[in-house]
Amino acid sequence: MAGDAGWALLAVLAVVTELVARRRRGVPPPVGHFGALVARRLPGRLLLLTLWCLTGLHLFARATAHA
């Protein structure tokens, strides 16, 4: 239960940060610009791929553990 609340809080913070970034030019940049900046080089692409796989694996494991 607390874990779900934490994930929901994280999602809300991400949306608020994105909205603030789009309203004001400056810090922090929108998520798309940050992703493009990170994905320009191979180490950044590998990091994004690893994070994406770990997130997917975690969510898949949680979804199948309750079945």
Protein backbone atom coordinates (compact mmCIF):
# COMPACT_ATOMS: atom_id res chain seq x y z
CA MET A 1 0.00 0.00 0.00
CA ALA A 2 2.74 2.46 0.93
CA GLY A 3 4.67 1.47 -2.19
CA ASP A 4 1.70 2.32 -4.39
CA ALA A 5 1.33 5.68 -2.67
CA GLY A 6 5.03 6.34 -3.28
CA TRP A 7 4.72 5.54 -6.99
CA ALA A 8 1.64 7.75 -7.25
CA LEU A 9 3.48 10.59 -5.53
CA LEU A 10 6.42 10.14 -7.91
CA ALA A 11 4.07 10.31 -10.91
CA VAL A 12 2.39 13.47 -9.60
CA LEU A 13 5.78 15.11 -8.98
CA ALA A 14 6.87 14.24 -12.53
CA VAL A 15 3.73 15.79 -14.01
CA VAL A 16 4.06 18.94 -11.88
CA THR A 17 7.74 19.29 -12.81
CA GLU A 18 6.87 18.94 -16.50
CA LEU A 19 4.12 21.56 -16.26
CA VAL A 20 6.41 24.02 -14.46
CA ALA A 21 9.13 23.45 -17.05
CA ARG A 22 6.72 24.17 -19.89
CA ARG A 23 5.37 27.35 -18.29
CA ARG A 24 8.75 28.93 -17.59
CA ARG A 25 11.76 28.75 -19.83
CA GLY A 26 14.65 27.74 -17.65
CA VAL A 27 15.27 25.18 -14.97
CA PRO A 28 14.23 22.38 -15.20
CA PRO A 29 14.00 21.55 -18.90
CA PRO A 30 11.00 19.55 -20.16
CA VAL A 31 11.41 15.78 -20.00
CA GLY A 32 11.71 15.49 -23.78
CA HIS A 33 14.68 17.86 -23.89
CA PHE A 34 16.36 16.04 -21.01
CA GLY A 35 15.80 12.68 -22.71
CA ALA A 36 17.22 14.00 -25.98
CA LEU A 37 20.25 15.35 -24.16
CA VAL A 38 20.92 12.03 -22.43
CA ALA A 39 20.27 9.94 -25.55
CA ARG A 40 22.79 11.79 -27.71
CA ARG A 41 25.67 9.58 -26.64
CA LEU A 42 25.98 5.81 -26.33
CA PRO A 43 26.43 5.68 -22.53
CA GLY A 44 23.25 7.72 -22.10
CA ARG A 45 21.34 5.43 -24.45
CA LEU A 46 22.56 2.38 -22.54
CA LEU A 47 21.54 3.96 -19.24
CA LEU A 48 18.05 4.77 -20.55
CA LEU A 49 17.67 1.25 -21.94
CA THR A 50 18.79 -0.30 -18.65
CA LEU A 51 16.41 1.87 -16.61
CA TRP A 52 13.55 1.10 -18.99
CA CYS A 53 14.21 -2.66 -18.77
CA LEU A 54 14.49 -2.63 -14.99
CA THR A 55 11.27 -0.65 -14.68
CA GLY A 56 9.46 -3.01 -17.05
CA LEU A 57 10.81 -6.07 -15.26
CA HIS A 58 9.75 -4.66 -11.89
CA LEU A 59 6.24 -3.86 -13.09
CA PHE A 60 5.92 -7.24 -14.83
CA ALA A 61 7.05 -9.07 -11.68
CA ARG A 62 4.54 -7.15 -9.56
CA ALA A 63 1.71 -7.76 -12.01
CA THR A 64 2.33 -11.50 -12.23
CA ALA A 65 3.07 -12.03 -8.52
CA HIS A 66 -0.55 -11.30 -7.56
CA ALA A 67 -2.09 -13.53 -10.21
